[in-house]
Amino acid sequence: MKLYSGDLSPYSARVRMQIYAKGLSDIVIERPASFGTPKFREDFPIGRIPVLDLGDGDVMPESEVISEYLEEIHPQPSLLGATPRESAHIRTLARIGDIYIMNNMFMLSPQSRAKTRNEGIVELLGGQVVRNVKALDRMIGRDGFACCGRLTLADCAIVPGLFLVENVLPTTGVDNPIPAAGNVAAYWAAIQRNEHAARVLAELHRGLEERRELIRSGAFEKMMAASKAAMEAAERA
């Protein structure tokens, strides 16, 4: 199998952390050469990463779907619960990391490089992130893991979300809420010492520095403009 991924993609990071934690050495991880082009969208209609290539033209999009699939075909070591109720709790925390934090940060992040910020967007999405970090503070584990006293799919989703909160949210003019959320702050300090989380965080930091260099050089703006023009031309064809 092959996982189409990117260092700075938080959704890809979620799946990569799961792959590392489960020790799945038979999955090749690479950035698709056609990403951001009409060809990529032609091959993968959603147009986003990660995508899991199962071989023989069978591909699977969406990080949550991929995570559940990998858990089903490689049940050991389990990143779900020992009981259905534990698994439900793990999935709840994973949804907070994915939908309530990561997705809001994904939509908010363009404001970090906007020449003129849309303060309405910043207030709406930034406010949602702050609110949901507070919600997470009431639900997060107190022993260095999101729950169950061990690494689970919840950690895989929360880690990239908190990375964005710490490193991207302040660049939109919204203060990082993690230090003020005591339980989340303690979790964040502890989970970064986990080998699998640390590996994914190193990749995310590498991707962020590459992105910032592209932005500083002006190359990123040109890439985005070229990609937009190519997509529009493909839609008109």
C-alpha atoms as a PDB file:
ATOM      1  CA  MET A   1       0.000   0.000   0.000  1.00  0.00           C
ATOM      2  CA  LYS A   2       0.964   3.630  -0.444  1.00  0.00           C
ATOM      3  CA  LEU A   3      -0.121   6.681   1.569  1.00  0.00           C
ATOM      4  CA  TYR A   4      -0.168   9.941  -0.355  1.00  0.00           C
ATOM      5  CA  SER A   5       0.767  12.456   2.271  1.00  0.00           C
ATOM      6  CA  GLY A   6       2.480  15.780   2.950  1.00  0.00           C
ATOM      7  CA  ASP A   7       4.567  16.887   5.924  1.00  0.00           C
ATOM      8  CA  LEU A   8       2.360  19.873   6.774  1.00  0.00           C
ATOM      9  CA  SER A   9      -0.987  18.155   6.169  1.00  0.00           C
ATOM     10  CA  PRO A  10      -2.468  17.649   9.654  1.00  0.00           C
ATOM     11  CA  TYR A  11      -4.891  15.042   8.345  1.00  0.00           C
ATOM     12  CA  SER A  12      -2.009  13.092   6.800  1.00  0.00           C
ATOM     13  CA  ALA A  13      -0.085  13.468  10.065  1.00  0.00           C
ATOM     14  CA  ARG A  14      -2.944  11.813  11.891  1.00  0.00           C
ATOM     15  CA  VAL A  15      -2.637   8.697   9.726  1.00  0.00           C
ATOM     16  CA  ARG A  16       1.172   8.721   9.756  1.00  0.00           C
ATOM     17  CA  MET A  17       1.199   8.732  13.560  1.00  0.00           C
ATOM     18  CA  GLN A  18      -1.105   5.715  13.546  1.00  0.00           C
ATOM     19  CA  ILE A  19       1.145   3.924  11.032  1.00  0.00           C
ATOM     20  CA  TYR A  20       4.220   4.602  13.193  1.00  0.00           C
ATOM     21  CA  ALA A  21       2.487   3.517  16.405  1.00  0.00           C
ATOM     22  CA  LYS A  22       1.306   0.262  14.826  1.00  0.00           C
ATOM     23  CA  GLY A  23       4.712  -0.429  13.259  1.00  0.00           C
ATOM     24  CA  LEU A  24       3.289  -0.799   9.739  1.00  0.00           C
ATOM     25  CA  SER A  25       6.425  -0.991   7.619  1.00  0.00           C
ATOM     26  CA  ASP A  26       4.685  -2.137   4.428  1.00  0.00           C
ATOM     27  CA  ILE A  27       3.028   1.243   3.691  1.00  0.00           C
ATOM     28  CA  VAL A  28       5.066   3.592   1.505  1.00  0.00           C
ATOM     29  CA  ILE A  29       4.559   7.257   2.398  1.00  0.00           C
ATOM     30  CA  GLU A  30       5.107   9.848  -0.314  1.00  0.00           C
ATOM     31  CA  ARG A  31       3.884  13.214  -1.533  1.00  0.00           C
ATOM     32  CA  PRO A  32       2.001  12.856  -4.841  1.00  0.00           C
ATOM     33  CA  ALA A  33       3.785  14.646  -7.685  1.00  0.00           C
ATOM     34  CA  SER A  34       0.459  15.852  -9.121  1.00  0.00           C
ATOM     35  CA  PHE A  35      -0.892  17.339  -5.877  1.00  0.00           C
ATOM     36  CA  GLY A  36      -2.568  20.698  -6.452  1.00  0.00           C
ATOM     37  CA  THR A  37      -3.082  20.075 -10.167  1.00  0.00           C
ATOM     38  CA  PRO A  38      -6.145  19.126 -12.239  1.00  0.00           C
ATOM     39  CA  LYS A  39      -4.599  15.673 -12.697  1.00  0.00           C
ATOM     40  CA  PHE A  40      -4.679  15.028  -8.951  1.00  0.00           C
ATOM     41  CA  ARG A  41      -8.329  16.057  -8.736  1.00  0.00           C
ATOM     42  CA  GLU A  42      -9.088  13.910 -11.780  1.00  0.00           C
ATOM     43  CA  ASP A  43      -7.518  10.902 -10.070  1.00  0.00           C
ATOM     44  CA  PHE A  44      -8.832  11.725  -6.572  1.00  0.00           C
ATOM     45  CA  PRO A  45     -12.094  13.729  -6.845  1.00  0.00           C
ATOM     46  CA  ILE A  46     -12.009  15.187  -3.315  1.00  0.00           C
ATOM     47  CA  GLY A  47      -8.635  16.680  -4.200  1.00  0.00           C
ATOM     48  CA  ARG A  48      -7.115  16.427  -0.728  1.00  0.00           C
ATOM     49  CA  ILE A  49      -4.592  14.303   1.106  1.00  0.00           C
ATOM     50  CA  PRO A  50      -4.212  11.806   2.649  1.00  0.00           C
ATOM     51  CA  VAL A  51      -5.203   9.172   0.138  1.00  0.00           C
ATOM     52  CA  LEU A  52      -4.460   5.486   0.707  1.00  0.00           C
ATOM     53  CA  ASP A  53      -3.603   3.611  -2.494  1.00  0.00           C
ATOM     54  CA  LEU A  54      -4.515  -0.040  -1.999  1.00  0.00           C
ATOM     55  CA  GLY A  55      -3.167  -1.062  -5.406  1.00  0.00           C
ATOM     56  CA  ASP A  56      -4.874  -2.066  -8.670  1.00  0.00           C
ATOM     57  CA  GLY A  57      -6.530   1.363  -8.923  1.00  0.00           C
ATOM     58  CA  ASP A  58      -8.337   1.055  -5.588  1.00  0.00           C
ATOM     59  CA  VAL A  59      -7.871   4.268  -3.584  1.00  0.00           C
ATOM     60  CA  MET A  60      -9.353   5.486  -0.313  1.00  0.00           C
ATOM     61  CA  PRO A  61      -9.630   9.163   0.731  1.00  0.00           C
ATOM     62  CA  GLU A  62     -10.375  10.807   4.101  1.00  0.00           C
ATOM     63  CA  SER A  63      -8.149  10.454   7.152  1.00  0.00           C
ATOM     64  CA  GLU A  64     -10.813   9.121   9.512  1.00  0.00           C
ATOM     65  CA  VAL A  65     -11.900   6.467   7.012  1.00  0.00           C
ATOM     66  CA  ILE A  66      -8.280   5.453   6.389  1.00  0.00           C
ATOM     67  CA  SER A  67      -7.601   5.262  10.137  1.00  0.00           C
ATOM     68  CA  GLU A  68     -10.581   3.015  10.760  1.00  0.00           C
ATOM     69  CA  TYR A  69      -9.653   0.812   7.788  1.00  0.00           C
ATOM     70  CA  LEU A  70      -6.071   0.392   9.002  1.00  0.00           C
ATOM     71  CA  GLU A  71      -7.368  -0.464  12.461  1.00  0.00           C
ATOM     72  CA  GLU A  72      -9.615  -3.161  11.011  1.00  0.00           C
ATOM     73  CA  ILE A  73      -6.984  -4.829   8.834  1.00  0.00           C
ATOM     74  CA  HIS A  74      -4.205  -4.448  11.449  1.00  0.00           C
ATOM     75  CA  PRO A  75      -6.039  -4.827  14.778  1.00  0.00           C
ATOM     76  CA  GLN A  76      -2.836  -5.287  16.808  1.00  0.00           C
ATOM     77  CA  PRO A  77      -1.499  -3.320  18.528  1.00  0.00           C
ATOM     78  CA  SER A  78      -4.922  -1.799  19.026  1.00  0.00           C
ATOM     79  CA  LEU A  79      -5.353   1.969  19.092  1.00  0.00           C
ATOM     80  CA  LEU A  80      -9.004   1.558  20.032  1.00  0.00           C
ATOM     81  CA  GLY A  81     -10.481   0.653  23.406  1.00  0.00           C
ATOM     82  CA  ALA A  82     -10.734  -2.595  25.318  1.00  0.00           C
ATOM     83  CA  THR A  83     -14.534  -2.165  25.400  1.00  0.00           C
ATOM     84  CA  PRO A  84     -17.064  -0.571  23.022  1.00  0.00           C
ATOM     85  CA  ARG A  85     -17.502   2.307  25.505  1.00  0.00           C
ATOM     86  CA  GLU A  86     -13.755   2.999  25.571  1.00  0.00           C
ATOM     87  CA  SER A  87     -13.665   2.981  21.775  1.00  0.00           C
ATOM     88  CA  ALA A  88     -16.581   5.429  21.689  1.00  0.00           C
ATOM     89  CA  HIS A  89     -14.688   7.767  24.028  1.00  0.00           C
ATOM     90  CA  ILE A  90     -11.564   7.499  21.875  1.00  0.00           C
ATOM     91  CA  ARG A  91     -13.582   8.366  18.776  1.00  0.00           C
ATOM     92  CA  THR A  92     -15.227  11.311  20.551  1.00  0.00           C
ATOM     93  CA  LEU A  93     -11.848  12.811  21.464  1.00  0.00           C
ATOM     94  CA  ALA A  94     -10.566  12.118  17.950  1.00  0.00           C
ATOM     95  CA  ARG A  95     -13.524  14.054  16.523  1.00  0.00           C
ATOM     96  CA  ILE A  96     -12.740  16.993  18.769  1.00  0.00           C
ATOM     97  CA  GLY A  97      -9.174  16.973  17.462  1.00  0.00           C
ATOM     98  CA  ASP A  98     -10.204  16.470  13.835  1.00  0.00           C
ATOM     99  CA  ILE A  99     -13.431  18.439  13.346  1.00  0.00           C
ATOM    100  CA  TYR A 100     -13.581  20.992  16.150  1.00  0.00           C
ATOM    101  CA  ILE A 101      -9.892  21.929  16.266  1.00  0.00           C
ATOM    102  CA  MET A 102      -8.050  20.747  13.149  1.00  0.00           C
ATOM    103  CA  ASN A 103     -10.768  21.619  10.632  1.00  0.00           C
ATOM    104  CA  ASN A 104     -11.307  25.102  12.055  1.00  0.00           C
ATOM    105  CA  MET A 105      -7.545  25.676  12.013  1.00  0.00           C
ATOM    106  CA  PHE A 106      -7.332  24.430   8.421  1.00  0.00           C
ATOM    107  CA  MET A 107      -9.953  26.973   7.315  1.00  0.00           C
ATOM    108  CA  LEU A 108      -8.427  29.738   9.441  1.00  0.00           C
ATOM    109  CA  SER A 109      -4.793  29.256   8.394  1.00  0.00           C
ATOM    110  CA  PRO A 110      -5.003  31.311   5.128  1.00  0.00           C
ATOM    111  CA  GLN A 111      -5.596  34.362   7.326  1.00  0.00           C
ATOM    112  CA  SER A 112      -2.047  33.959   8.649  1.00  0.00           C
ATOM    113  CA  ARG A 113      -0.650  34.991   5.263  1.00  0.00           C
ATOM    114  CA  ALA A 114      -3.433  37.307   4.075  1.00  0.00           C
ATOM    115  CA  LYS A 115      -2.353  40.827   3.167  1.00  0.00           C
ATOM    116  CA  THR A 116      -5.484  42.074   4.929  1.00  0.00           C
ATOM    117  CA  ARG A 117      -7.087  39.742   7.448  1.00  0.00           C
ATOM    118  CA  ASN A 118     -10.807  39.128   7.405  1.00  0.00           C
ATOM    119  CA  GLU A 119     -11.480  39.827  11.063  1.00  0.00           C
ATOM    120  CA  GLY A 120     -14.911  38.218  10.846  1.00  0.00           C
ATOM    121  CA  ILE A 121     -13.357  34.912   9.798  1.00  0.00           C
ATOM    122  CA  VAL A 122     -10.658  35.216  12.460  1.00  0.00           C
ATOM    123  CA  GLU A 123     -13.220  35.952  15.162  1.00  0.00           C
ATOM    124  CA  LEU A 124     -15.506  33.115  14.105  1.00  0.00           C
ATOM    125  CA  LEU A 125     -12.975  30.332  13.496  1.00  0.00           C
ATOM    126  CA  GLY A 126     -10.416  31.468  16.059  1.00  0.00           C
ATOM    127  CA  GLY A 127     -13.181  31.692  18.641  1.00  0.00           C
ATOM    128  CA  GLN A 128     -14.272  28.161  17.817  1.00  0.00           C
ATOM    129  CA  VAL A 129     -10.721  26.870  18.295  1.00  0.00           C
ATOM    130  CA  VAL A 130     -10.376  28.580  21.696  1.00  0.00           C
ATOM    131  CA  ARG A 131     -13.800  27.310  22.779  1.00  0.00           C
ATOM    132  CA  ASN A 132     -13.008  23.748  21.770  1.00  0.00           C
ATOM    133  CA  VAL A 133      -9.606  23.698  23.468  1.00  0.00           C
ATOM    134  CA  LYS A 134     -11.523  24.590  26.637  1.00  0.00           C
ATOM    135  CA  ALA A 135     -13.921  21.704  25.970  1.00  0.00           C
ATOM    136  CA  LEU A 136     -10.994  19.364  25.404  1.00  0.00           C
ATOM    137  CA  ASP A 137      -9.526  20.515  28.717  1.00  0.00           C
ATOM    138  CA  ARG A 138     -12.501  18.986  30.520  1.00  0.00           C
ATOM    139  CA  MET A 139     -12.233  15.654  28.695  1.00  0.00           C
ATOM    140  CA  ILE A 140      -8.514  15.009  28.140  1.00  0.00           C
ATOM    141  CA  GLY A 141      -6.690  12.341  30.127  1.00  0.00           C
ATOM    142  CA  ARG A 142      -4.545  13.308  33.094  1.00  0.00           C
ATOM    143  CA  ASP A 143      -1.772  10.740  32.619  1.00  0.00           C
ATOM    144  CA  GLY A 144       0.010  11.947  29.495  1.00  0.00           C
ATOM    145  CA  PHE A 145      -2.381  10.352  26.990  1.00  0.00           C
ATOM    146  CA  ALA A 146      -5.705  11.499  25.608  1.00  0.00           C
ATOM    147  CA  CYS A 147      -7.457   8.585  27.331  1.00  0.00           C
ATOM    148  CA  CYS A 148      -7.130   4.927  28.389  1.00  0.00           C
ATOM    149  CA  GLY A 149      -3.598   5.457  29.730  1.00  0.00           C
ATOM    150  CA  ARG A 150      -1.974   4.590  26.390  1.00  0.00           C
ATOM    151  CA  LEU A 151      -1.613   5.864  22.843  1.00  0.00           C
ATOM    152  CA  THR A 152      -4.875   5.672  20.879  1.00  0.00           C
ATOM    153  CA  LEU A 153      -6.473   7.091  17.747  1.00  0.00           C
ATOM    154  CA  ALA A 154      -7.501  10.051  19.905  1.00  0.00           C
ATOM    155  CA  ASP A 155      -3.853  11.077  20.323  1.00  0.00           C
ATOM    156  CA  CYS A 156      -3.269  10.661  16.591  1.00  0.00           C
ATOM    157  CA  ALA A 157      -5.962  13.260  15.854  1.00  0.00           C
ATOM    158  CA  ILE A 158      -5.284  15.648  18.745  1.00  0.00           C
ATOM    159  CA  VAL A 159      -1.507  15.980  18.261  1.00  0.00           C
ATOM    160  CA  PRO A 160      -1.607  17.599  14.790  1.00  0.00           C
ATOM    161  CA  GLY A 161      -4.528  19.760  15.903  1.00  0.00           C
ATOM    162  CA  LEU A 162      -2.622  21.161  18.876  1.00  0.00           C
ATOM    163  CA  PHE A 163       0.435  21.656  16.664  1.00  0.00           C
ATOM    164  CA  LEU A 164      -1.617  24.013  14.502  1.00  0.00           C
ATOM    165  CA  VAL A 165      -3.043  25.779  17.555  1.00  0.00           C
ATOM    166  CA  GLU A 166       0.413  26.404  18.994  1.00  0.00           C
ATOM    167  CA  ASN A 167       2.232  27.300  15.783  1.00  0.00           C
ATOM    168  CA  VAL A 168      -0.350  28.796  13.415  1.00  0.00           C
ATOM    169  CA  LEU A 169      -3.158  30.290  15.514  1.00  0.00           C
ATOM    170  CA  PRO A 170      -0.984  33.127  16.946  1.00  0.00           C
ATOM    171  CA  THR A 171      -0.046  34.207  13.403  1.00  0.00           C
ATOM    172  CA  THR A 172      -3.728  35.047  12.813  1.00  0.00           C
ATOM    173  CA  GLY A 173      -3.796  37.414  15.784  1.00  0.00           C
ATOM    174  CA  VAL A 174      -5.421  34.968  18.237  1.00  0.00           C
ATOM    175  CA  ASP A 175      -3.513  34.036  21.392  1.00  0.00           C
ATOM    176  CA  ASN A 176      -2.567  30.387  21.881  1.00  0.00           C
ATOM    177  CA  PRO A 177      -5.146  29.021  24.380  1.00  0.00           C
ATOM    178  CA  ILE A 178      -3.146  25.941  25.384  1.00  0.00           C
ATOM    179  CA  PRO A 179      -1.168  27.484  28.291  1.00  0.00           C
ATOM    180  CA  ALA A 180      -4.400  28.676  29.920  1.00  0.00           C
ATOM    181  CA  ALA A 181      -5.970  25.198  29.704  1.00  0.00           C
ATOM    182  CA  GLY A 182      -4.130  23.352  32.461  1.00  0.00           C
ATOM    183  CA  ASN A 183      -5.058  19.789  31.554  1.00  0.00           C
ATOM    184  CA  VAL A 184      -4.422  20.310  27.839  1.00  0.00           C
ATOM    185  CA  ALA A 185      -1.112  22.039  28.601  1.00  0.00           C
ATOM    186  CA  ALA A 186       0.023  19.113  30.769  1.00  0.00           C
ATOM    187  CA  TYR A 187      -1.055  16.626  28.109  1.00  0.00           C
ATOM    188  CA  TRP A 188       0.693  18.601  25.370  1.00  0.00           C
ATOM    189  CA  ALA A 189       3.976  18.695  27.302  1.00  0.00           C
ATOM    190  CA  ALA A 190       3.789  14.948  27.994  1.00  0.00           C
ATOM    191  CA  ILE A 191       2.656  13.632  24.599  1.00  0.00           C
ATOM    192  CA  GLN A 192       5.510  15.390  22.806  1.00  0.00           C
ATOM    193  CA  ARG A 193       7.866  12.988  24.589  1.00  0.00           C
ATOM    194  CA  ASN A 194       6.128   9.996  23.008  1.00  0.00           C
ATOM    195  CA  GLU A 195       8.322   8.669  20.174  1.00  0.00           C
ATOM    196  CA  HIS A 196       5.526   8.445  17.614  1.00  0.00           C
ATOM    197  CA  ALA A 197       4.111  11.875  18.399  1.00  0.00           C
ATOM    198  CA  ALA A 198       7.624  13.348  18.352  1.00  0.00           C
ATOM    199  CA  ARG A 199       8.281  11.848  14.925  1.00  0.00           C
ATOM    200  CA  VAL A 200       5.105  13.323  13.454  1.00  0.00           C
ATOM    201  CA  LEU A 201       5.731  16.694  15.113  1.00  0.00           C
ATOM    202  CA  ALA A 202       9.217  16.824  13.590  1.00  0.00           C
ATOM    203  CA  GLU A 203       7.641  16.252  10.166  1.00  0.00           C
ATOM    204  CA  LEU A 204       5.019  18.938  10.782  1.00  0.00           C
ATOM    205  CA  HIS A 205       7.687  21.433  11.865  1.00  0.00           C
ATOM    206  CA  ARG A 206       9.730  20.596   8.767  1.00  0.00           C
ATOM    207  CA  GLY A 207       6.705  21.176   6.567  1.00  0.00           C
ATOM    208  CA  LEU A 208       5.902  24.446   8.317  1.00  0.00           C
ATOM    209  CA  GLU A 209       9.429  25.786   7.818  1.00  0.00           C
ATOM    210  CA  GLU A 210       9.334  24.805   4.147  1.00  0.00           C
ATOM    211  CA  ARG A 211       5.986  26.574   3.745  1.00  0.00           C
ATOM    212  CA  ARG A 212       7.227  29.704   5.495  1.00  0.00           C
ATOM    213  CA  GLU A 213      10.287  29.830   3.282  1.00  0.00           C
ATOM    214  CA  LEU A 214       8.102  29.551   0.188  1.00  0.00           C
ATOM    215  CA  ILE A 215       5.924  32.380   1.490  1.00  0.00           C
ATOM    216  CA  ARG A 216       8.946  34.591   2.294  1.00  0.00           C
ATOM    217  CA  SER A 217      10.379  34.041  -1.188  1.00  0.00           C
ATOM    218  CA  GLY A 218       7.076  34.728  -2.926  1.00  0.00           C
ATOM    219  CA  ALA A 219       7.112  31.277  -4.514  1.00  0.00           C
ATOM    220  CA  PHE A 220       4.060  30.076  -2.584  1.00  0.00           C
ATOM    221  CA  GLU A 221       1.827  32.868  -3.899  1.00  0.00           C
ATOM    222  CA  LYS A 222       2.932  32.071  -7.457  1.00  0.00           C
ATOM    223  CA  MET A 223       2.294  28.354  -6.915  1.00  0.00           C
ATOM    224  CA  MET A 224      -1.201  29.020  -5.566  1.00  0.00           C
ATOM    225  CA  ALA A 225      -2.025  31.355  -8.458  1.00  0.00           C
ATOM    226  CA  ALA A 226      -0.794  28.818 -11.021  1.00  0.00           C
ATOM    227  CA  SER A 227      -2.760  26.029  -9.366  1.00  0.00           C
ATOM    228  CA  LYS A 228      -5.933  28.126  -9.272  1.00  0.00           C
ATOM    229  CA  ALA A 229      -5.574  29.079 -12.945  1.00  0.00           C
ATOM    230  CA  ALA A 230      -5.002  25.443 -13.950  1.00  0.00           C
ATOM    231  CA  MET A 231      -8.055  24.289 -11.984  1.00  0.00           C
ATOM    232  CA  GLU A 232     -10.250  26.977 -13.524  1.00  0.00           C
ATOM    233  CA  ALA A 233      -9.036  26.106 -17.014  1.00  0.00           C
ATOM    234  CA  ALA A 234      -9.757  22.427 -16.400  1.00  0.00           C
ATOM    235  CA  GLU A 235     -13.293  23.229 -15.208  1.00  0.00           C
ATOM    236  CA  ARG A 236     -13.968  25.285 -18.337  1.00  0.00           C
ATOM    237  CA  ALA A 237     -12.684  22.549 -20.651  1.00  0.00           C
END
